[in-house]
Protein backbone atom coordinates (compact mmCIF):
# COMPACT_ATOMS: atom_id res chain seq x y z
CA MET A 1 -7.50 23.37 2.01
CA PHE A 2 -4.43 22.62 -0.37
CA LYS A 3 -3.06 25.77 -3.28
CA THR A 4 -1.21 24.00 -5.92
CA LYS A 5 1.97 25.24 -7.74
CA ILE A 6 3.24 23.29 -10.54
CA PRO A 7 7.10 25.16 -11.40
CA LYS A 8 6.76 26.33 -15.12
CA GLY A 9 10.42 27.28 -14.97
CA VAL A 10 13.54 27.47 -12.99
CA PRO A 11 16.37 29.63 -13.08
CA LEU A 12 19.49 27.42 -13.72
CA ASP A 13 21.62 29.59 -11.07
CA GLU A 14 19.06 28.01 -8.13
CA ILE A 15 20.28 24.19 -9.68
CA TYR A 16 23.67 25.31 -9.91
CA VAL A 17 24.12 26.48 -6.14
CA LYS A 18 22.26 23.15 -4.94
CA ALA A 19 24.78 20.95 -7.54
CA GLN A 20 27.92 22.94 -7.07
CA ASN A 21 29.42 20.75 -4.43
CA GLU A 22 27.46 17.33 -4.75
CA MET A 23 28.75 17.08 -8.34
CA GLN A 24 32.11 19.46 -8.20
CA LEU A 25 30.84 21.33 -10.72
CA LYS A 26 32.44 24.33 -12.41
CA LEU A 27 31.27 26.84 -14.67
CA LEU A 28 33.08 27.60 -17.64
CA SER A 29 31.46 30.12 -19.77
CA LYS A 30 30.66 33.69 -18.80
CA LEU A 31 26.90 33.47 -18.27
CA GLU A 32 24.61 35.32 -16.01
CA LEU A 33 22.51 32.41 -14.81
CA SER A 34 19.86 33.81 -13.55
CA LYS A 35 18.59 34.78 -16.98
CA ILE A 36 18.66 31.04 -18.35
CA THR A 37 15.32 29.30 -17.04
CA LEU A 38 14.90 25.91 -17.38
CA LYS A 39 11.72 24.60 -18.85
CA ASN A 40 11.92 20.95 -17.98
CA SER A 41 13.39 18.34 -15.86
CA PHE A 42 15.25 16.24 -18.32
CA ILE A 43 18.75 15.43 -19.04
CA GLU A 44 20.46 13.27 -21.24
CA ARG A 45 23.54 11.90 -23.24
CA PRO A 46 23.16 12.65 -27.03
CA GLY A 47 23.69 8.89 -28.01
CA LEU A 48 22.09 8.01 -31.48
CA ALA A 49 21.79 11.81 -31.94
CA LEU A 50 25.76 11.97 -32.57
CA SER A 51 25.27 10.03 -35.58
CA GLY A 52 22.96 12.52 -37.22
CA TYR A 53 19.46 10.57 -36.41
CA ILE A 54 17.48 13.71 -34.58
CA ASP A 55 13.70 12.33 -34.92
CA GLY A 56 11.74 13.34 -32.05
CA TYR A 57 15.02 14.89 -30.76
CA ASP A 58 14.29 17.55 -27.99
CA ASN A 59 16.54 20.37 -27.90
CA GLN A 60 15.54 21.83 -24.30
CA LYS A 61 17.10 19.12 -22.53
CA ILE A 62 20.52 19.65 -20.96
CA LEU A 63 23.63 17.63 -22.58
CA VAL A 64 25.74 15.57 -20.86
CA PHE A 65 29.33 14.61 -22.66
CA GLY A 66 31.29 11.43 -21.29
CA GLU A 67 34.39 10.46 -22.36
CA MET A 68 32.43 7.94 -24.81
CA GLU A 69 30.61 10.78 -26.65
CA GLN A 70 33.92 13.54 -26.42
CA ASN A 71 35.66 10.63 -28.19
CA TYR A 72 33.81 9.93 -30.72
CA LEU A 73 33.34 13.51 -31.78
CA LYS A 74 37.01 13.49 -32.13
CA ASP A 75 36.94 10.37 -34.55
CA LEU A 76 34.86 12.82 -36.81
CA HIS A 77 36.24 14.66 -39.97
CA PRO A 78 36.23 18.80 -38.47
CA ASN A 79 33.30 19.61 -41.25
CA ILE A 80 31.10 16.56 -39.97
CA ARG A 81 31.47 16.98 -36.21
CA ASN A 82 30.25 20.83 -36.72
CA ASP A 83 26.95 19.60 -38.93
CA ARG A 84 26.86 17.06 -35.97
CA LEU A 85 26.90 19.89 -33.14
CA LYS A 86 24.69 22.05 -35.21
CA LEU A 87 22.15 19.66 -35.30
CA LEU A 88 22.48 19.23 -31.41
CA ILE A 89 22.92 22.66 -29.68
CA LYS A 90 20.45 25.04 -30.74
CA LYS A 91 19.53 28.37 -28.78
CA SER A 92 16.88 26.30 -27.27
CA THR A 93 19.31 24.62 -25.42
CA PRO A 94 19.85 25.11 -21.55
CA ALA A 95 23.01 23.73 -20.65
CA VAL A 96 25.51 21.67 -21.75
CA ILE A 97 27.81 19.56 -19.22
CA ILE A 98 31.15 17.68 -19.91
CA ALA A 99 31.72 14.73 -17.61
CA SER A 100 35.12 13.46 -16.06
CA ASN A 101 37.30 16.21 -15.81
CA LEU A 102 37.34 16.33 -19.73
CA SER A 103 38.24 19.30 -21.58
CA PRO A 104 35.18 20.12 -24.01
CA LEU A 105 36.05 19.89 -27.35
CA LYS A 106 37.15 23.27 -29.14
CA GLU A 107 34.12 23.09 -31.76
CA LEU A 108 31.66 22.30 -28.71
CA LYS A 109 32.91 25.63 -26.51
CA GLU A 110 32.18 27.76 -29.76
CA SER A 111 28.94 26.44 -30.31
CA CYS A 112 28.30 27.10 -26.44
CA GLU A 113 29.40 30.56 -26.60
CA LYS A 114 27.85 31.27 -30.35
CA HIS A 115 24.30 30.34 -29.11
CA GLN A 116 24.88 31.32 -25.38
CA ILE A 117 24.40 28.28 -23.59
CA ALA A 118 26.29 28.04 -19.98
CA LEU A 119 28.64 25.22 -20.18
CA PHE A 120 29.51 23.47 -17.40
CA LYS A 121 32.72 20.79 -16.22
CA SER A 122 32.18 17.95 -13.67
CA ASP A 123 34.76 15.40 -12.00
CA LYS A 124 31.92 12.82 -11.88
CA GLY A 125 31.42 10.61 -14.85
CA ALA A 126 28.76 10.76 -17.27
CA ILE A 127 26.34 8.47 -15.34
CA GLU A 128 26.63 10.00 -11.94
CA VAL A 129 26.31 13.55 -13.56
CA SER A 130 23.00 12.28 -15.10
CA THR A 131 21.92 10.61 -11.63
CA ILE A 132 22.69 13.12 -9.37
CA PHE A 133 20.89 16.50 -11.65
CA SER A 134 18.05 14.32 -12.64
CA LYS A 135 17.40 14.19 -8.71
CA ILE A 136 18.16 17.59 -8.50
CA LEU A 137 15.84 18.58 -11.30
CA SER A 138 12.94 16.17 -10.37
CA ASP A 139 12.79 17.61 -6.93
CA ALA A 140 12.96 21.52 -8.45
CA PHE A 141 10.00 20.80 -10.58
CA ALA A 142 8.31 18.97 -8.31
CA PRO A 143 4.52 19.69 -7.71
CA VAL A 144 3.98 22.48 -5.08
CA VAL A 145 1.09 22.79 -2.16
CA SER A 146 1.15 25.31 0.31
CA CYS A 147 -1.62 24.71 2.94
CA HIS A 148 -2.56 26.51 6.52
CA GLY A 149 -1.40 24.18 9.61
CA THR A 150 1.23 22.72 11.50
CA LEU A 151 3.62 19.76 10.98
CA VAL A 152 5.55 17.79 13.59
CA GLU A 153 7.37 14.55 13.84
CA ALA A 154 6.29 12.31 16.47
CA PHE A 155 7.60 8.95 16.69
CA GLY A 156 9.37 9.35 13.62
CA VAL A 157 5.94 9.74 12.23
CA GLY A 158 5.06 12.87 10.29
CA LEU A 159 1.91 14.54 10.94
CA LEU A 160 0.35 17.84 9.62
CA ILE A 161 -2.42 19.21 11.83
CA GLN A 162 -4.94 21.29 10.36
CA GLY A 163 -8.01 22.91 11.67
CA SER A 164 -9.65 26.20 12.07
CA SER A 165 -8.03 29.52 13.23
CA SER A 166 -7.18 29.51 16.90
CA ILE A 167 -8.24 25.66 17.50
CA GLY A 168 -5.29 25.25 19.35
CA LYS A 169 -3.23 23.82 16.11
CA SER A 170 0.23 25.17 17.73
CA GLU A 171 -0.40 24.52 21.41
CA ALA A 172 -0.76 20.58 20.82
CA ALA A 173 2.25 21.05 18.45
CA LEU A 174 3.65 22.43 21.79
CA GLY A 175 2.41 19.63 24.13
CA LEU A 176 4.00 17.20 21.89
CA ILE A 177 7.15 19.20 21.73
CA GLU A 178 7.06 19.15 25.46
CA ARG A 179 7.08 15.33 25.26
CA GLY A 180 10.12 15.16 22.58
CA HIS A 181 8.95 15.10 19.71
CA ARG A 182 10.12 18.10 16.97
CA LEU A 183 8.49 20.59 15.12
CA VAL A 184 9.03 20.93 11.32
CA SER A 185 6.94 23.97 10.59
CA ASP A 186 3.83 26.18 11.80
CA ASP A 187 1.32 28.12 10.54
CA VAL A 188 2.29 27.77 6.85
CA VAL A 189 3.47 24.09 5.43
CA THR A 190 4.91 23.63 1.67
CA ILE A 191 4.64 20.17 0.70
CA LYS A 192 6.14 18.56 -2.28
CA ARG A 193 5.62 15.51 -4.36
CA LYS A 194 8.90 13.47 -4.36
CA GLU A 195 9.28 10.16 -6.87
CA GLU A 196 7.69 7.25 -5.39
CA ASN A 197 4.40 9.19 -4.58
CA ILE A 198 6.14 10.61 -1.36
CA LEU A 199 4.76 13.76 -0.16
CA VAL A 200 7.44 15.83 1.88
CA GLY A 201 6.55 19.34 3.99
CA GLU A 202 8.84 21.97 5.33
CA GLY A 203 8.15 25.66 6.07
CA PRO A 204 9.34 28.63 5.06
CA GLU A 205 12.64 30.13 6.05
CA LEU A 206 11.30 32.91 7.69
CA SER A 207 9.28 31.26 10.26
CA ARG A 208 11.91 28.18 10.67
CA HIS A 209 11.78 26.87 14.00
CA LEU A 210 9.10 29.15 15.14
CA LEU A 211 5.90 28.82 16.87
CA GLU A 212 3.30 31.23 17.80
CA ILE A 213 1.10 30.42 21.03
CA ARG A 214 -1.50 32.93 21.27
CA GLY A 215 -1.37 34.81 24.70
CA ILE A 216 2.65 34.38 24.58
CA GLY A 217 3.97 35.14 21.56
CA ILE A 218 6.53 33.89 18.88
CA ILE A 219 8.87 31.61 20.64
CA ASN A 220 11.95 29.92 19.27
CA VAL A 221 11.38 26.13 19.96
CA ALA A 222 15.49 25.58 18.66
CA ASN A 223 16.55 28.01 21.53
CA LEU A 224 13.89 26.94 24.28
CA PHE A 225 13.82 23.32 24.13
CA GLY A 226 17.27 22.21 22.18
CA ALA A 227 17.87 21.85 18.29
CA VAL A 228 17.07 17.75 18.87
CA CYS A 229 13.31 19.42 18.94
CA VAL A 230 13.38 20.79 15.69
CA SER A 231 13.38 19.11 11.87
CA ARG A 232 13.48 21.29 8.37
CA LYS A 233 11.63 18.77 7.12
CA LYS A 234 9.41 15.28 7.01
CA ARG A 235 7.47 12.96 5.02
CA ILE A 236 3.96 13.28 5.73
CA ASP A 237 2.44 10.21 6.78
CA LEU A 238 -0.67 11.46 8.90
CA ILE A 239 -3.50 14.55 8.47
CA VAL A 240 -5.57 15.18 11.58
CA LYS A 241 -8.09 18.09 11.51
CA LEU A 242 -8.92 19.73 14.85
CA GLU A 243 -12.87 20.87 15.42
CA GLU A 244 -14.63 21.97 18.29
CA TRP A 245 -16.89 19.27 19.68
CA ASP A 246 -20.65 18.97 18.32
CA ASP A 247 -22.93 17.07 20.50
CA GLU A 248 -25.05 16.51 17.79
CA HIS A 249 -22.32 15.22 14.71
CA PHE A 250 -21.33 11.47 14.96
CA TYR A 251 -17.86 10.73 15.70
CA ASP A 252 -16.54 7.36 14.88
CA ARG A 253 -15.98 5.60 18.41
CA VAL A 254 -14.43 2.15 16.70
CA GLY A 255 -11.78 3.32 13.79
CA LEU A 256 -12.78 0.10 11.48
CA GLU A 257 -12.99 2.70 8.30
CA GLU A 258 -9.75 4.96 6.92
CA LYS A 259 -10.35 8.64 5.44
CA TYR A 260 -8.13 9.37 3.09
CA CYS A 261 -7.10 13.11 2.12
CA ASP A 262 -6.20 13.50 -1.79
CA VAL A 263 -2.70 15.79 -1.98
CA LEU A 264 -1.39 16.19 -5.22
CA GLY A 265 -2.60 12.48 -6.44
CA VAL A 266 -1.44 10.85 -3.07
CA LYS A 267 -3.82 9.39 -0.64
CA VAL A 268 -2.63 10.43 3.10
CA ILE A 269 -4.88 8.75 5.59
CA TYR A 270 -6.64 11.53 7.53
CA HIS A 271 -8.37 11.73 10.65
CA ILE A 272 -10.73 14.08 12.53
CA LEU A 273 -10.20 14.71 16.04
CA PRO A 274 -12.90 16.65 18.25
CA VAL A 275 -11.51 19.08 20.74
CA LYS A 276 -12.97 20.54 24.15
CA PRO A 277 -12.11 21.39 27.16
CA GLY A 278 -10.43 18.62 29.28
CA ARG A 279 -9.44 17.03 26.48
CA GLU A 280 -5.73 16.20 25.93
CA VAL A 281 -4.87 16.83 22.59
CA ALA A 282 -0.92 16.22 22.62
CA LEU A 283 -1.93 12.76 24.42
CA LEU A 284 -4.68 12.05 21.44
CA LEU A 285 -2.26 12.93 19.19
CA GLU A 286 0.39 10.71 20.61
CA THR A 287 -2.03 7.84 20.72
CA LEU A 288 -3.09 8.31 17.46
CA VAL A 289 0.61 7.91 15.67
CA LEU A 290 1.16 5.05 17.94
CA ASN A 291 -1.88 3.33 16.54
CA HIS A 292 -1.15 4.46 13.02
CA ARG A 293 2.34 2.82 13.18
CA LEU A 294 0.62 -0.80 14.66
CA LYS A 295 -1.27 -1.00 12.22
CA GLU A 296 1.99 -0.22 9.46
CA MET A 297 3.31 -3.31 11.20
CA GLY A 298 -0.16 -5.47 10.67
CA TYR A 299 -2.13 -4.87 13.87
CA ASN A 300 -5.27 -2.94 14.01
CA SER A 301 -6.73 -2.82 17.16
CA ALA A 302 -10.80 -2.06 15.71
CA LYS A 303 -9.92 -4.85 13.65
CA GLU A 304 -9.27 -7.07 15.96
CA PHE A 305 -11.98 -6.05 18.31
CA ASN A 306 -14.39 -6.42 15.06
CA ALA A 307 -13.81 -9.79 14.80
CA LYS A 308 -14.07 -11.13 18.68
CA LEU A 309 -17.58 -9.32 18.69
CA LEU A 310 -18.27 -11.14 15.17
CA ALA A 311 -17.09 -14.58 16.86
CA THR A 312 -18.76 -13.85 19.95
CA ILE A 313 -22.28 -12.80 18.02
CA GLU A 314 -22.18 -16.56 16.18
CA LYS A 315 -21.44 -18.61 19.17
CA ARG A 316 -24.05 -17.04 20.79
CA LYS A 317 -26.49 -17.71 18.21
CA HIS A 318 -24.95 -21.32 17.48
CA SER A 319 -26.00 -21.62 21.35
CA ARG A 320 -29.74 -20.55 20.85
CA ASN A 321 -30.46 -22.64 17.94
CA VAL A 322 -28.87 -25.47 20.23
CA GLU A 323 -31.51 -24.57 22.95
CA PHE A 324 -34.30 -24.59 20.65
CA SER A 325 -33.97 -27.61 18.55
CA THR A 326 -33.85 -29.33 22.19
CA ILE A 327 -36.97 -27.94 23.11
CA GLU A 328 -38.39 -29.27 20.41
CA LYS A 329 -37.61 -32.42 20.28
CA ILE A 330 -39.16 -32.88 24.43
CA ASP A 331 -42.11 -34.98 24.56
CA VAL A 332 -44.81 -33.88 26.09
CA PRO A 333 -47.57 -35.86 27.41
CA ASP A 334 -51.14 -35.93 26.58
CA LEU A 335 -53.32 -34.72 29.25
């Protein structure tokens, strides 16, 4: 159902495009960034390694030099400064970022040129550069799965509709869109696991805002219903599988037990919804989403019904016990 893909490397030019505007990032070296591949999502400031202690130091991380690091290097003797930079900067170092709009030291610039290392400059401070870049790298290296289905946003809840081909996923989504909800992706959904175990789904750019309806063809939801009815990405909160109604299959009629589906190590609430002619699937999906929101607010209709049922059974059992004990106490006269 889900095909997992974990990125083994990310071209540096992709990261540069994402970080350029947000960090006011400027490329100082004349290199083709597409030929430089990042092998991990780590970024750090040199810190203790500047003093010469490199036990456990990894040269495959992006380095950030702030004002403190630059001033420390300036205070060192030129020979010692060169020795320390040789320890820090190797061919395996993918990039160096100079923060706070500072000019890179001559020796640092020469080391980057010698080893063909990308050298950047940012207006942001070192802490801000590390924070922003870490988020961008974390997103780029996040585990990804792709699946067949339709992702919609209903009442603020991300709903992934799955099921066999021609079961009616797109038609169900169209019904929800007509009721004012949003389409995220149809047919193919790409899911990323973000920080704090959050799953975010989106669709390929080629089919963005498009919905395929058998007998009609491909329609553009944004053009037909307005831009308010589409969304680029959405957190996935629920997964619903549509399947043909089977009279011999037992379907849960109370809903006491929650079922879960494991996606990239994250448990997502999972429902099986049987469909047949006459069932209004869009209405059922809306009801399911609203019920999910109620549960998140602490109100569970199934549990409340079960509690009332158990209380009624206990009450009747108690009244019967009282009735039997009364009969036993009646004295029957001898005949």
